[in-house]
Amino acid sequence: PILGPDDPEILAAARQHGVAVIPLVAAVESVADLRRMLHSPESRAAHIQVLVNLAVSHGYDGLDLDYEHLWDPMDRDPLAAFAHEVSAAMHAAGKRISMAVPSLPDPSTVWSYDDLSASLDEVHLMGYDFHTVGSHAGPTSPLGWIDAVGARVAQTAHPERFTLGLPNYGVSPS
């Protein structure tokens, strides 16, 4: 049986085999809470301290953040500031930091690939759900979309910091 995220056997096996332990921290439900944190420098600093403490106290090599549903142009600057600040704090603690972000073939009013890749160690592109349950039938990751996202990434100053995640599932419209 697995004893939870800090199962000593799993952590020992990861360390023995040189596998970095970088858990995912997600904020995917309450965009209002996420925005309150991002838009307040004091709340950002407090949240970042919690993240650093989590990584340090558990001996993680870093953290991967998945903060979703940010589509308001007013989120762009706070998100970029957060990426810069969390990166500086995690690096000062000797930890890595990455973030899952939407795969976007065109420039975004929120998700600046340039800003994020300038700060983060890795940017994980969510290359899935182009078509989803409830939309019309189609591929979850059409090649043209993925190619366009790749072309956009290639134009950044740090294309080497991007990793594309693709699905191993399919969906139907119902």
Foldseek 3Di string as FASTA:
>chain_A
DAPPLLRVVVVVVCVVVVHAAAEEDEDDDDLVVVCVQLVDPVSLVVVLVVQLCVCVVSVGQYYEYEYDDPQDLVQAVSVLVSLQVSLVSQVVSNHAYEYEDEQDLDDGSHDHLQSNQVRHQAYEYEQFPPPAAQGAADGRHDPVSVVSSLVVLVPHPCSVRYDYDDDPDGHHND
